Every structure is written in C-alpha cells, then in structure tokens.
N, C-alpha and C. Protein backbone atom coordinates (compact mmCIF):
# COMPACT_ATOMS: atom_id res chain seq x y z
N MET A 1 27.12 -16.50 35.74
CA MET A 1 26.35 -15.28 35.59
C MET A 1 25.10 -15.36 36.39
N PRO A 2 24.78 -14.45 37.26
CA PRO A 2 23.55 -14.45 38.02
C PRO A 2 22.39 -14.32 37.10
N ASN A 3 21.25 -14.78 37.57
CA ASN A 3 19.97 -14.83 36.89
C ASN A 3 19.57 -13.44 36.40
N SER A 4 19.73 -12.46 37.25
CA SER A 4 19.29 -11.08 36.87
C SER A 4 20.11 -10.55 35.74
N GLN A 5 21.37 -10.84 35.65
CA GLN A 5 22.20 -10.43 34.56
C GLN A 5 21.81 -11.00 33.26
N VAL A 6 21.48 -12.30 33.31
CA VAL A 6 21.00 -12.97 32.09
C VAL A 6 19.68 -12.32 31.59
N LEU A 7 18.77 -12.09 32.45
CA LEU A 7 17.50 -11.48 32.11
C LEU A 7 17.72 -10.01 31.54
N SER A 8 18.58 -9.24 32.14
CA SER A 8 18.83 -7.92 31.60
C SER A 8 19.55 -8.02 30.22
N PHE A 9 20.37 -8.95 30.04
CA PHE A 9 21.04 -9.13 28.73
C PHE A 9 20.03 -9.50 27.64
N VAL A 10 19.10 -10.34 27.97
CA VAL A 10 18.06 -10.83 27.04
C VAL A 10 17.13 -9.62 26.70
N ILE A 11 16.81 -8.81 27.68
CA ILE A 11 15.98 -7.65 27.44
C ILE A 11 16.70 -6.67 26.58
N TRP A 12 17.99 -6.47 26.83
CA TRP A 12 18.79 -5.55 26.05
C TRP A 12 18.86 -5.97 24.62
N ILE A 13 19.12 -7.30 24.37
CA ILE A 13 19.10 -7.84 22.97
C ILE A 13 17.77 -7.65 22.29
N GLY A 14 16.72 -7.89 23.01
CA GLY A 14 15.39 -7.72 22.49
C GLY A 14 15.11 -6.31 22.09
N ALA A 15 15.53 -5.37 22.94
CA ALA A 15 15.41 -3.96 22.63
C ALA A 15 16.17 -3.55 21.38
N MET A 16 17.32 -4.14 21.16
CA MET A 16 18.16 -3.91 20.04
C MET A 16 17.48 -4.35 18.75
N PHE A 17 16.88 -5.54 18.79
CA PHE A 17 16.13 -6.13 17.63
C PHE A 17 14.92 -5.22 17.34
N LEU A 18 14.28 -4.78 18.38
CA LEU A 18 13.07 -3.91 18.19
C LEU A 18 13.45 -2.57 17.56
N MET A 19 14.63 -2.00 17.99
CA MET A 19 15.05 -0.79 17.34
C MET A 19 15.45 -1.00 15.88
N LEU A 20 16.10 -2.18 15.64
CA LEU A 20 16.48 -2.51 14.26
C LEU A 20 15.21 -2.62 13.33
N TYR A 21 14.18 -3.20 13.88
CA TYR A 21 12.94 -3.31 13.12
C TYR A 21 12.37 -1.96 12.78
N PHE A 22 12.36 -0.96 13.74
CA PHE A 22 11.77 0.26 13.47
C PHE A 22 12.70 1.18 12.61
N ILE A 23 13.96 0.99 12.69
CA ILE A 23 14.93 1.82 11.91
C ILE A 23 15.11 1.32 10.50
N VAL A 24 15.11 -0.02 10.32
CA VAL A 24 15.43 -0.63 9.02
C VAL A 24 14.27 -1.23 8.32
N PHE A 25 13.60 -2.15 8.95
CA PHE A 25 12.67 -2.99 8.23
C PHE A 25 11.29 -2.27 8.00
N LEU A 26 10.80 -1.49 8.94
CA LEU A 26 9.54 -0.78 8.79
C LEU A 26 9.63 0.27 7.63
N PRO A 27 10.67 1.13 7.59
CA PRO A 27 10.67 2.10 6.47
C PRO A 27 10.83 1.39 5.12
N GLU A 28 11.56 0.29 5.05
CA GLU A 28 11.69 -0.49 3.81
C GLU A 28 10.40 -1.04 3.36
N LYS A 29 9.63 -1.52 4.31
CA LYS A 29 8.31 -2.09 3.99
C LYS A 29 7.35 -1.00 3.50
N LYS A 30 7.36 0.21 4.02
CA LYS A 30 6.61 1.30 3.58
C LYS A 30 7.09 1.72 2.17
N ARG A 31 8.37 1.77 1.86
CA ARG A 31 8.87 2.18 0.57
C ARG A 31 8.45 1.21 -0.47
N LYS A 32 8.52 -0.12 -0.19
CA LYS A 32 8.05 -1.11 -1.15
C LYS A 32 6.57 -1.01 -1.47
N LYS A 33 5.75 -0.73 -0.44
CA LYS A 33 4.36 -0.60 -0.63
C LYS A 33 4.04 0.61 -1.48
N SER A 34 4.75 1.72 -1.29
CA SER A 34 4.61 2.97 -1.99
C SER A 34 5.00 2.73 -3.49
N TYR A 35 6.11 2.04 -3.73
CA TYR A 35 6.62 1.81 -5.00
C TYR A 35 5.64 0.87 -5.85
N GLN A 36 5.08 -0.14 -5.13
CA GLN A 36 4.12 -1.03 -5.75
C GLN A 36 2.84 -0.31 -6.11
N SER A 37 2.45 0.68 -5.30
CA SER A 37 1.26 1.52 -5.61
C SER A 37 1.52 2.32 -6.84
N LEU A 38 2.82 2.90 -6.99
CA LEU A 38 3.17 3.68 -8.18
C LEU A 38 3.11 2.79 -9.38
N ILE A 39 3.66 1.57 -9.35
CA ILE A 39 3.61 0.64 -10.50
C ILE A 39 2.17 0.30 -10.83
N ASP A 40 1.38 0.04 -9.91
CA ASP A 40 -0.05 -0.32 -10.20
C ASP A 40 -0.88 0.83 -10.76
N SER A 41 -0.46 2.05 -10.52
CA SER A 41 -1.24 3.17 -11.00
C SER A 41 -0.77 3.69 -12.43
N LEU A 42 0.18 3.06 -13.02
CA LEU A 42 0.63 3.51 -14.34
C LEU A 42 -0.43 3.37 -15.41
N LYS A 43 -0.54 4.42 -16.19
CA LYS A 43 -1.47 4.48 -17.29
C LYS A 43 -0.84 4.88 -18.59
N ILE A 44 -1.53 4.61 -19.69
CA ILE A 44 -0.97 5.03 -20.97
C ILE A 44 -0.96 6.51 -21.03
N ASN A 45 0.14 7.12 -21.62
CA ASN A 45 0.41 8.54 -21.77
C ASN A 45 1.05 9.17 -20.54
N ASP A 46 1.27 8.36 -19.44
CA ASP A 46 2.08 8.87 -18.35
C ASP A 46 3.50 9.03 -18.82
N GLU A 47 4.15 10.10 -18.38
CA GLU A 47 5.57 10.22 -18.66
C GLU A 47 6.35 9.74 -17.45
N VAL A 48 7.28 8.83 -17.77
CA VAL A 48 8.08 8.17 -16.73
C VAL A 48 9.58 8.34 -16.98
N MET A 49 10.28 8.09 -15.90
CA MET A 49 11.75 8.04 -15.96
C MET A 49 12.19 6.66 -15.52
N THR A 50 12.99 5.96 -16.29
CA THR A 50 13.49 4.59 -15.83
C THR A 50 14.54 4.75 -14.84
N LYS A 51 14.86 3.64 -14.21
CA LYS A 51 15.96 3.65 -13.20
C LYS A 51 17.29 3.97 -13.88
N GLY A 52 17.32 3.76 -15.20
CA GLY A 52 18.61 4.11 -15.91
C GLY A 52 18.65 5.51 -16.40
N GLY A 53 17.53 6.28 -16.22
CA GLY A 53 17.52 7.68 -16.55
C GLY A 53 16.88 7.99 -17.89
N ILE A 54 16.35 7.03 -18.55
CA ILE A 54 15.66 7.28 -19.85
C ILE A 54 14.18 7.79 -19.54
N MET A 55 13.91 8.88 -20.23
CA MET A 55 12.53 9.39 -20.07
C MET A 55 11.72 9.13 -21.30
N GLY A 56 10.46 8.83 -21.08
CA GLY A 56 9.58 8.57 -22.16
C GLY A 56 8.12 8.55 -21.73
N LYS A 57 7.26 8.34 -22.75
CA LYS A 57 5.79 8.21 -22.53
C LYS A 57 5.35 6.84 -22.72
N ILE A 58 4.51 6.37 -21.86
CA ILE A 58 4.00 5.03 -21.90
C ILE A 58 3.04 4.90 -23.05
N VAL A 59 3.26 3.90 -23.98
CA VAL A 59 2.34 3.70 -25.06
C VAL A 59 1.63 2.35 -24.95
N THR A 60 2.11 1.34 -24.23
CA THR A 60 1.53 0.08 -24.03
C THR A 60 1.86 -0.47 -22.64
N ILE A 61 0.87 -1.05 -21.95
CA ILE A 61 1.00 -1.62 -20.68
C ILE A 61 0.55 -3.11 -20.76
N LYS A 62 1.42 -4.06 -20.43
CA LYS A 62 1.01 -5.46 -20.33
C LYS A 62 1.17 -5.88 -18.86
N ASP A 63 1.06 -7.21 -18.60
CA ASP A 63 1.14 -7.68 -17.25
C ASP A 63 2.47 -7.34 -16.57
N ASP A 64 3.61 -7.73 -17.16
CA ASP A 64 4.88 -7.55 -16.49
C ASP A 64 5.79 -6.52 -17.18
N TYR A 65 5.41 -5.98 -18.32
CA TYR A 65 6.26 -5.01 -18.98
C TYR A 65 5.47 -3.85 -19.58
N ILE A 66 6.17 -2.79 -19.91
CA ILE A 66 5.57 -1.67 -20.57
C ILE A 66 6.40 -1.33 -21.75
N ILE A 67 5.87 -0.58 -22.68
CA ILE A 67 6.61 -0.04 -23.83
C ILE A 67 6.49 1.49 -23.69
N ILE A 68 7.70 2.17 -23.72
CA ILE A 68 7.72 3.57 -23.66
C ILE A 68 8.22 4.15 -25.01
N GLN A 69 7.82 5.26 -25.33
CA GLN A 69 8.20 5.99 -26.54
C GLN A 69 9.07 7.15 -26.14
N THR A 70 10.28 7.28 -26.75
CA THR A 70 11.17 8.35 -26.34
C THR A 70 11.95 8.88 -27.50
N GLY A 71 12.49 10.01 -27.38
CA GLY A 71 13.37 10.60 -28.41
C GLY A 71 12.68 11.27 -29.49
N PRO A 72 13.41 12.02 -30.35
CA PRO A 72 12.78 12.70 -31.47
C PRO A 72 12.27 11.81 -32.60
N GLU A 73 12.87 10.53 -32.67
CA GLU A 73 12.38 9.61 -33.70
C GLU A 73 11.31 8.66 -33.15
N ASN A 74 10.86 8.92 -31.94
CA ASN A 74 9.79 8.14 -31.33
C ASN A 74 10.22 6.64 -31.20
N VAL A 75 11.40 6.45 -30.67
CA VAL A 75 11.97 5.09 -30.48
C VAL A 75 11.11 4.45 -29.39
N ARG A 76 10.76 3.20 -29.54
CA ARG A 76 9.96 2.47 -28.54
C ARG A 76 10.91 1.47 -27.80
N ILE A 77 10.81 1.51 -26.53
CA ILE A 77 11.62 0.64 -25.64
C ILE A 77 10.74 -0.21 -24.78
N LYS A 78 10.96 -1.52 -24.77
CA LYS A 78 10.21 -2.46 -23.97
C LYS A 78 11.01 -2.74 -22.71
N LEU A 79 10.36 -2.58 -21.55
CA LEU A 79 11.10 -2.79 -20.31
C LEU A 79 10.13 -3.36 -19.22
N HIS A 80 10.71 -3.97 -18.29
CA HIS A 80 9.94 -4.58 -17.18
C HIS A 80 9.40 -3.49 -16.28
N LYS A 81 8.24 -3.70 -15.74
CA LYS A 81 7.68 -2.62 -14.92
C LYS A 81 8.58 -2.18 -13.74
N ASN A 82 9.31 -3.09 -13.22
CA ASN A 82 10.25 -2.75 -12.11
C ASN A 82 11.36 -1.85 -12.55
N GLY A 83 11.53 -1.64 -13.82
CA GLY A 83 12.52 -0.72 -14.39
C GLY A 83 12.09 0.79 -14.28
N ILE A 84 10.85 0.97 -13.89
CA ILE A 84 10.44 2.40 -13.78
C ILE A 84 10.93 2.97 -12.43
N GLY A 85 11.57 4.17 -12.55
CA GLY A 85 12.09 4.80 -11.41
C GLY A 85 11.08 5.73 -10.76
N SER A 86 10.43 6.53 -11.66
CA SER A 86 9.48 7.49 -11.17
C SER A 86 8.54 7.94 -12.25
N VAL A 87 7.41 8.49 -11.89
CA VAL A 87 6.51 9.08 -12.87
C VAL A 87 6.70 10.60 -12.81
N THR A 88 7.09 11.12 -14.00
CA THR A 88 7.34 12.60 -14.04
C THR A 88 6.11 13.40 -14.36
N LYS A 89 5.14 12.85 -15.10
CA LYS A 89 3.89 13.56 -15.33
C LYS A 89 2.78 12.51 -15.58
N LYS A 90 1.76 12.66 -14.66
CA LYS A 90 0.59 11.80 -14.76
C LYS A 90 -0.40 12.40 -15.73
N THR A 91 -1.10 11.55 -16.47
CA THR A 91 -2.15 12.00 -17.35
C THR A 91 -3.40 12.35 -16.46
N GLU A 92 -4.09 13.37 -16.95
CA GLU A 92 -5.27 13.77 -16.26
C GLU A 92 -6.43 12.87 -16.67
N GLU A 93 -7.18 12.33 -15.69
CA GLU A 93 -8.33 11.51 -15.95
C GLU A 93 -9.51 12.36 -16.32
N ALA A 94 -10.28 12.05 -17.33
CA ALA A 94 -11.45 12.84 -17.77
C ALA A 94 -12.65 12.34 -17.07
C-alpha cells in the first residue's frame, strides 16, 4: 500500500470516529446532564411520573431515594431517584 493511501485511510477512519462522537456520544452526554438536573431540582409536592408509569406526589426526599404518595388511599411508594421518568407538575416557589 502506498503511503498516501495509508494516510487517506487513517484520515477516513478518524472522520468516522468524529462523526460517531457527534451523532451518538454528544447527545447522550447532554441527555444525561439534563436528566441529572431534573433529579437535582426535585422538591416536595412536585408531581412526578416514574419510569414504570406510576404517578404521584413527592412527600419525602432523601439522598438516594424519594417517597411518593399515589392513589385514592394515599399509598406511599419508596423508590430510587433514578426511577423518576419525568416531572408532570412543579410546585410554585413562594
């Protein structure tokens, strides 16, 4: 293989890795940062939906877990913070 072909092959492989970074890794990094910001901003009385689809209101927040209250009998469920899928209603700060 001539030297110029090796160089162009290396440049082509480098360009592929660069495209992979911008298409896959960079958006994933932004998504993780956004999700961590959501978890860090949780407050008592926020209404949340778990990744399993359970909706409830936060009644207790600890380091790694939260307790949500859900259902007509006000059942309390303890779950890890990473189990939160989304916040459906934020409480207004006074």
